[in-house]
Amino acid sequence: MGLQDRLQMDGQYVLKNNKMKKHWLWVILIGFVAGCSGKKLLTNNNPIHEILLDKTGWTIDTLRNDVIWYKFSSATDKQFAYQNVNVICFNPKAKSGQMVFDYKKEKDSLSVFAGRIPGAIAGINATYFLEKKDSADYMHLRLKGKDLQQVKIPKTSIYWWKHQGMFSFNDEGTAFDIRFSPENFGTVKSANIMTGAPMLIDNFNPVGLKFADTTGMGSKVNKLHYEHYLRHQGVRHPRTAIAVTKKGYLLLITVDGRNKIAKGMSAKELTEFLRRYFNPKSVMNIDGGGSTMMWVKGQPYNGIVNYPTDNKKFDHYGQRMVETAIIIK
């Protein structure tokens, strides 16, 4: 074979080899882009980078791709120093889990509620008691189309305000709504209804700023009946609340209180806090005080991550026996 023939063959080999290299470079590049696109899509489904407006004072844990745990604690924040807040964010659009509402007439602790639900990952206590003799008739509870409790008290009752808000959800536990309660619950088509109060944010309107405004009342507030809305919501207590964001995420919120390093919040303060950090579409306060509890799977102290106050100590052991719980599984 002559030199020219060999050079020609070598040139064809180099050309062919270069073409193969280019082909595989394109394959690798396309795969990389596709991988990045996939990661971007996952990020869009994950609220961690988009829902918290200010991360100062917060720590963030991803419990699952659709469940984020936010923890706030600060001794220096000008507005919310000495507050301890836990927020669970559930993104139903990720299609990885669901919300479960559990009601047991025989009261139990939140950790026991969660332990009964396979796959439970996080949860909070839910709404005011139905089995309490002096206040049972101010609640409305409907589960799977059946009204288990209906409002019977007159508008003149001191408890009337306690069903001001309504949380409704589908049977699958993937679609949620919070709004003011209607005069007639029979007009509500949702198969599941839980009332609570007060409304803190209604379609981005911070109604909780004015609900229990105690400005100028001073010590007069403490002379009111404990269930009077001004005393119940106008001073600092532990709080439990639920919220729905513009994108349909569900927020489960607890605020610790009754301690020098966790002062608790009024309804007005909780409204301000949630607007500042999350700006949810709608928020409703539910049963707080000694009932305020949050549970997270795998955590110490039977999973109780906040500081319940029923044992009058600032630890994780003061769980109250409750009737209702909201669990993410």
Protein backbone atom coordinates (compact mmCIF):
# COMPACT_ATOMS: atom_id res chain seq x y z
CA MET A 1 0.00 0.00 0.00
CA GLY A 2 1.35 3.39 -0.94
CA LEU A 3 1.87 6.31 1.37
CA GLN A 4 -0.95 8.27 -0.25
CA ASP A 5 -3.39 5.38 0.16
CA ARG A 6 -2.44 5.00 3.85
CA LEU A 7 -2.85 8.75 4.47
CA GLN A 8 -6.26 8.62 2.81
CA MET A 9 -7.35 5.70 5.03
CA ASP A 10 -5.96 7.38 8.12
CA GLY A 11 -7.80 10.57 7.23
CA GLN A 12 -11.09 8.70 6.84
CA TYR A 13 -10.50 6.97 10.20
CA VAL A 14 -9.82 10.31 11.92
CA LEU A 15 -12.89 11.84 10.30
CA LYS A 16 -15.05 8.92 11.33
CA ASN A 17 -13.61 8.95 14.85
CA ASN A 18 -14.26 12.68 15.19
CA LYS A 19 -17.85 12.18 14.06
CA MET A 20 -18.30 9.45 16.69
CA LYS A 21 -16.83 11.72 19.38
CA LYS A 22 -19.17 14.53 18.35
CA HIS A 23 -22.10 12.12 18.43
CA TRP A 24 -21.33 11.00 21.98
CA LEU A 25 -20.69 14.56 23.08
CA TRP A 26 -24.17 15.45 21.87
CA VAL A 27 -25.62 12.41 23.68
CA ILE A 28 -23.90 13.43 26.91
CA LEU A 29 -24.95 17.06 26.48
CA ILE A 30 -28.58 16.15 25.81
CA GLY A 31 -28.55 13.84 28.83
CA PHE A 32 -27.08 16.58 31.02
CA VAL A 33 -29.70 19.10 29.87
CA ALA A 34 -32.46 16.58 30.43
CA GLY A 35 -31.10 15.86 33.88
CA CYS A 36 -30.98 19.56 34.71
CA SER A 37 -34.51 19.97 33.42
CA GLY A 38 -35.63 17.14 35.64
CA LYS A 39 -33.97 18.74 38.63
CA LYS A 40 -35.56 22.06 37.81
CA LEU A 41 -38.95 20.41 37.62
CA LEU A 42 -38.39 18.81 41.02
CA THR A 43 -37.37 22.18 42.45
CA ASN A 44 -40.57 23.74 41.11
CA ASN A 45 -42.56 21.05 42.91
CA ASN A 46 -40.62 21.66 46.11
CA PRO A 47 -41.72 24.76 48.03
CA ILE A 48 -38.46 25.13 49.93
CA HIS A 49 -37.05 27.85 47.65
CA GLU A 50 -40.23 29.77 46.97
CA ILE A 51 -42.54 29.85 49.97
CA LEU A 52 -40.37 31.27 52.77
CA LEU A 53 -39.96 34.98 52.05
CA ASP A 54 -37.25 35.68 54.64
CA LYS A 55 -35.00 32.88 55.92
CA THR A 56 -33.47 34.88 58.78
CA GLY A 57 -34.02 33.02 62.04
CA TRP A 58 -35.25 29.86 60.30
CA THR A 59 -33.89 26.35 59.94
CA ILE A 60 -35.32 24.13 57.22
CA ASP A 61 -35.61 20.34 56.99
CA THR A 62 -36.92 18.38 54.02
CA LEU A 63 -38.94 15.48 55.45
CA ARG A 64 -40.00 14.27 52.01
CA ASN A 65 -40.01 15.86 48.56
CA ASP A 66 -43.49 17.22 49.32
CA VAL A 67 -43.14 17.95 53.05
CA ILE A 68 -40.91 20.72 54.41
CA TRP A 69 -40.41 21.53 58.10
CA TYR A 70 -39.61 25.16 58.93
CA LYS A 71 -38.45 26.13 62.44
CA PHE A 72 -38.21 29.73 63.66
CA SER A 73 -36.44 30.91 66.79
CA SER A 74 -34.86 34.29 67.42
CA ALA A 75 -33.76 36.33 70.41
CA THR A 76 -32.94 39.40 68.32
CA ASP A 77 -35.73 39.91 65.80
CA LYS A 78 -37.22 43.38 66.41
CA GLN A 79 -40.80 42.18 65.91
CA PHE A 80 -40.74 38.52 66.89
CA ALA A 81 -37.98 38.02 69.44
CA TYR A 82 -38.48 35.15 71.88
CA GLN A 83 -40.89 33.23 69.71
CA ASN A 84 -40.69 29.54 68.83
CA VAL A 85 -42.63 28.59 65.71
CA ASN A 86 -42.92 25.35 63.75
CA VAL A 87 -44.46 25.16 60.27
CA ILE A 88 -45.06 22.07 58.16
CA CYS A 89 -45.60 22.76 54.46
CA PHE A 90 -47.35 20.03 52.44
CA ASN A 91 -47.36 20.22 48.65
CA PRO A 92 -50.16 17.98 47.32
CA LYS A 93 -49.19 18.72 43.72
CA ALA A 94 -46.13 16.50 44.12
CA LYS A 95 -48.59 13.58 44.40
CA SER A 96 -46.47 11.85 47.01
CA GLY A 97 -48.86 11.95 49.96
CA GLN A 98 -52.09 13.22 51.44
CA MET A 99 -53.64 14.91 54.46
CA VAL A 100 -55.69 12.84 56.88
CA PHE A 101 -58.19 14.32 59.33
CA ASP A 102 -58.71 12.04 62.33
CA TYR A 103 -61.46 12.35 64.94
CA LYS A 104 -61.81 10.16 68.01
CA LYS A 105 -64.50 10.78 70.60
CA GLU A 106 -62.21 9.01 73.06
CA LYS A 107 -59.49 11.65 73.43
CA ASP A 108 -55.84 10.81 72.92
CA SER A 109 -52.43 12.47 72.61
CA LEU A 110 -51.21 13.65 69.22
CA SER A 111 -48.37 11.12 69.17
CA VAL A 112 -50.93 8.31 69.60
CA PHE A 113 -53.10 9.77 66.83
CA ALA A 114 -50.10 9.79 64.50
CA GLY A 115 -49.04 6.29 65.52
CA ARG A 116 -52.38 4.90 64.37
CA ILE A 117 -51.95 6.21 60.82
CA PRO A 118 -49.66 4.15 58.54
CA GLY A 119 -47.12 6.31 56.76
CA ALA A 120 -47.70 9.37 58.98
CA ILE A 121 -44.87 11.88 58.63
CA ALA A 122 -46.07 15.02 60.47
CA GLY A 123 -49.15 16.46 62.14
CA ILE A 124 -50.79 18.92 64.53
CA ASN A 125 -53.75 18.99 66.87
CA ALA A 126 -56.86 20.22 65.09
CA THR A 127 -59.87 22.18 66.24
CA TYR A 128 -61.85 22.98 69.38
CA PHE A 129 -63.44 20.19 71.39
CA LEU A 130 -66.75 18.70 70.32
CA GLU A 131 -67.33 16.70 73.47
CA LYS A 132 -66.98 19.60 75.91
CA LYS A 133 -70.31 20.19 77.66
CA ASP A 134 -70.17 23.98 77.83
CA SER A 135 -69.06 24.55 74.24
CA ALA A 136 -69.81 21.53 72.04
CA ASP A 137 -72.57 23.21 70.06
CA TYR A 138 -70.43 25.98 68.56
CA MET A 139 -68.62 23.62 66.21
CA HIS A 140 -69.44 22.18 62.81
CA LEU A 141 -67.68 19.00 61.77
CA ARG A 142 -68.46 17.08 58.59
CA LEU A 143 -66.42 14.07 57.52
CA LYS A 144 -67.02 12.12 54.30
CA GLY A 145 -70.37 13.81 53.79
CA LYS A 146 -71.73 13.14 57.29
CA ASP A 147 -72.35 16.01 59.70
CA LEU A 148 -71.03 14.76 63.05
CA GLN A 149 -71.59 18.07 64.83
CA GLN A 150 -73.63 21.13 63.92
CA VAL A 151 -73.77 24.67 65.31
CA LYS A 152 -76.70 25.01 67.69
CA ILE A 153 -75.83 27.96 69.92
CA PRO A 154 -77.52 31.35 69.38
CA LYS A 155 -75.67 34.38 68.07
CA THR A 156 -75.83 35.88 71.56
CA SER A 157 -73.58 33.12 72.96
CA ILE A 158 -70.08 34.01 74.07
CA TYR A 159 -68.91 31.06 71.96
CA TRP A 160 -70.49 32.26 68.71
CA TRP A 161 -67.23 33.60 67.27
CA LYS A 162 -65.54 30.20 67.58
CA HIS A 163 -66.88 28.88 64.28
CA GLN A 164 -66.09 32.03 62.31
CA GLY A 165 -63.83 30.18 59.87
CA MET A 166 -64.28 27.01 57.82
CA PHE A 167 -61.62 24.60 56.55
CA SER A 168 -62.85 22.30 53.78
CA PHE A 169 -61.03 19.54 51.93
CA ASN A 170 -61.64 16.68 49.53
CA ASP A 171 -61.79 13.02 50.52
CA GLU A 172 -58.34 12.43 49.00
CA GLY A 173 -56.77 15.04 51.29
CA THR A 174 -55.15 16.87 48.39
CA ALA A 175 -57.29 19.99 47.85
CA PHE A 176 -57.97 22.58 50.56
CA ASP A 177 -59.89 25.79 51.14
CA ILE A 178 -60.25 28.21 54.06
CA ARG A 179 -62.93 30.89 54.18
CA PHE A 180 -65.53 32.50 56.43
CA SER A 181 -68.27 30.12 57.57
CA PRO A 182 -71.68 30.54 55.92
CA GLU A 183 -74.89 31.17 57.81
CA ASN A 184 -76.12 27.78 56.60
CA PHE A 185 -73.60 24.94 56.34
CA GLY A 186 -76.12 23.06 54.22
CA THR A 187 -75.11 25.27 51.32
CA VAL A 188 -71.53 23.95 51.45
CA LYS A 189 -71.00 21.12 48.96
CA SER A 190 -67.65 19.95 50.34
CA ALA A 191 -67.70 16.46 51.85
CA ASN A 192 -65.41 17.56 54.70
CA ILE A 193 -65.76 20.65 56.91
CA MET A 194 -63.98 21.69 60.10
CA THR A 195 -64.73 25.04 61.67
CA GLY A 196 -62.34 27.14 63.75
CA ALA A 197 -61.66 30.74 64.64
CA PRO A 198 -60.76 33.37 64.13
CA MET A 199 -60.05 33.90 60.47
CA LEU A 200 -56.62 35.54 60.26
CA ILE A 201 -56.25 36.00 56.50
CA ASP A 202 -59.07 35.81 53.96
CA ASN A 203 -57.99 35.78 50.30
CA PHE A 204 -54.85 37.77 51.27
CA ASN A 205 -56.91 40.22 53.38
CA PRO A 206 -55.37 40.27 56.92
CA VAL A 207 -58.66 40.32 58.81
CA GLY A 208 -56.92 39.02 61.93
CA LEU A 209 -55.26 42.38 62.46
CA LYS A 210 -58.57 43.84 63.60
CA PHE A 211 -60.48 40.84 64.99
CA ALA A 212 -59.28 41.22 68.59
CA ASP A 213 -57.69 44.64 68.75
CA THR A 214 -57.11 45.36 72.44
CA THR A 215 -55.30 48.66 71.90
CA GLY A 216 -55.84 50.94 74.91
CA MET A 217 -57.64 48.30 77.02
CA GLY A 218 -54.70 47.47 79.28
CA SER A 219 -55.57 45.24 82.23
CA LYS A 220 -59.30 45.48 81.42
CA VAL A 221 -58.83 42.57 79.03
CA ASN A 222 -58.08 40.20 81.92
CA LYS A 223 -61.41 41.03 83.54
CA LEU A 224 -63.36 39.67 80.58
CA HIS A 225 -64.74 36.13 80.47
CA TYR A 226 -61.96 33.76 79.37
CA GLU A 227 -63.90 32.80 76.22
CA HIS A 228 -64.60 36.42 75.26
CA TYR A 229 -62.99 36.91 71.87
CA LEU A 230 -60.93 39.91 73.03
CA ARG A 231 -59.37 38.01 75.91
CA HIS A 232 -59.09 34.71 74.05
CA GLN A 233 -57.45 36.17 70.94
CA GLY A 234 -56.22 39.59 71.99
CA VAL A 235 -53.42 38.42 74.30
CA ARG A 236 -50.46 36.08 73.88
CA HIS A 237 -50.99 32.33 74.04
CA PRO A 238 -49.66 29.23 72.31
CA ARG A 239 -51.36 29.05 68.91
CA THR A 240 -52.23 26.43 66.32
CA ALA A 241 -53.29 27.48 62.83
CA ILE A 242 -53.72 26.14 59.32
CA ALA A 243 -53.12 28.02 56.08
CA VAL A 244 -53.50 27.55 52.34
CA THR A 245 -51.10 29.25 49.93
CA LYS A 246 -51.77 30.68 46.49
CA LYS A 247 -50.38 27.47 44.94
CA GLY A 248 -52.54 25.19 47.07
CA TYR A 249 -49.93 24.15 49.63
CA LEU A 250 -51.18 23.38 53.15
CA LEU A 251 -49.37 24.91 56.13
CA LEU A 252 -49.65 23.43 59.62
CA ILE A 253 -48.51 25.98 62.20
CA THR A 254 -47.74 25.92 65.92
CA VAL A 255 -46.55 28.80 68.10
CA ASP A 256 -45.22 27.99 71.56
CA GLY A 257 -45.98 30.23 74.51
CA ARG A 258 -46.24 30.83 78.26
CA ASN A 259 -42.49 30.92 78.67
CA LYS A 260 -39.89 33.69 78.73
CA ILE A 261 -38.16 32.26 75.65
CA ALA A 262 -41.42 31.48 73.84
CA LYS A 263 -43.91 34.21 74.61
CA GLY A 264 -46.74 33.15 72.37
CA MET A 265 -48.76 35.42 70.09
CA SER A 266 -52.08 37.19 69.87
CA ALA A 267 -54.24 36.65 66.78
CA LYS A 268 -52.97 39.98 65.47
CA GLU A 269 -49.32 39.01 65.95
CA LEU A 270 -49.80 35.62 64.29
CA THR A 271 -51.43 37.35 61.33
CA GLU A 272 -48.46 39.70 61.02
CA PHE A 273 -45.97 36.85 61.41
CA LEU A 274 -47.49 34.69 58.69
CA ARG A 275 -47.86 37.60 56.27
CA ARG A 276 -44.23 38.55 56.76
CA TYR A 277 -42.75 35.10 56.23
CA PHE A 278 -45.22 33.17 54.05
CA ASN A 279 -47.93 35.52 52.71
CA PRO A 280 -50.52 32.72 52.48
CA LYS A 281 -53.84 33.16 50.72
CA SER A 282 -55.98 32.15 53.71
CA VAL A 283 -55.32 31.34 57.37
CA MET A 284 -57.56 30.12 60.18
CA ASN A 285 -56.68 29.87 63.86
CA ILE A 286 -57.72 26.60 65.51
CA ASP A 287 -57.42 25.16 69.02
CA GLY A 288 -54.37 26.59 70.79
CA GLY A 289 -53.24 27.06 74.37
CA GLY A 290 -52.55 23.73 76.06
CA SER A 291 -53.79 21.91 72.95
CA THR A 292 -51.00 23.25 70.72
CA MET A 293 -48.88 20.30 69.58
CA MET A 294 -46.81 19.32 66.56
CA TRP A 295 -45.54 15.82 65.80
CA VAL A 296 -42.78 14.85 63.33
CA LYS A 297 -41.83 11.27 62.53
CA GLY A 298 -38.50 10.05 63.89
CA GLN A 299 -37.97 12.92 66.30
CA PRO A 300 -37.22 12.44 70.03
CA TYR A 301 -39.86 12.74 72.75
CA ASN A 302 -42.38 10.57 70.87
CA GLY A 303 -42.08 12.92 67.91
CA ILE A 304 -43.39 16.00 69.73
CA VAL A 305 -41.24 18.88 68.45
CA ASN A 306 -42.90 21.87 70.07
CA TYR A 307 -43.34 22.63 73.78
CA PRO A 308 -46.87 21.71 74.95
CA THR A 309 -47.83 23.45 78.17
CA ASP A 310 -50.33 21.17 79.91
CA ASN A 311 -47.67 19.94 82.34
CA LYS A 312 -46.70 23.56 83.11
CA LYS A 313 -43.11 22.86 82.06
CA PHE A 314 -41.12 23.99 79.03
CA ASP A 315 -40.42 20.53 77.68
CA HIS A 316 -41.89 18.09 75.15
CA TYR A 317 -43.92 15.99 77.57
CA GLY A 318 -46.99 18.14 78.21
CA GLN A 319 -49.29 16.66 75.56
CA ARG A 320 -53.01 17.27 76.02
CA MET A 321 -55.61 14.64 75.24
CA VAL A 322 -57.48 15.90 72.17
CA GLU A 323 -60.23 14.66 69.86
CA THR A 324 -59.02 15.77 66.44
CA ALA A 325 -55.73 15.79 64.56
CA ILE A 326 -54.49 16.74 61.10
CA ILE A 327 -51.85 14.32 59.83
CA ILE A 328 -49.74 14.31 56.67
CA LYS A 329 -48.92 10.84 55.36
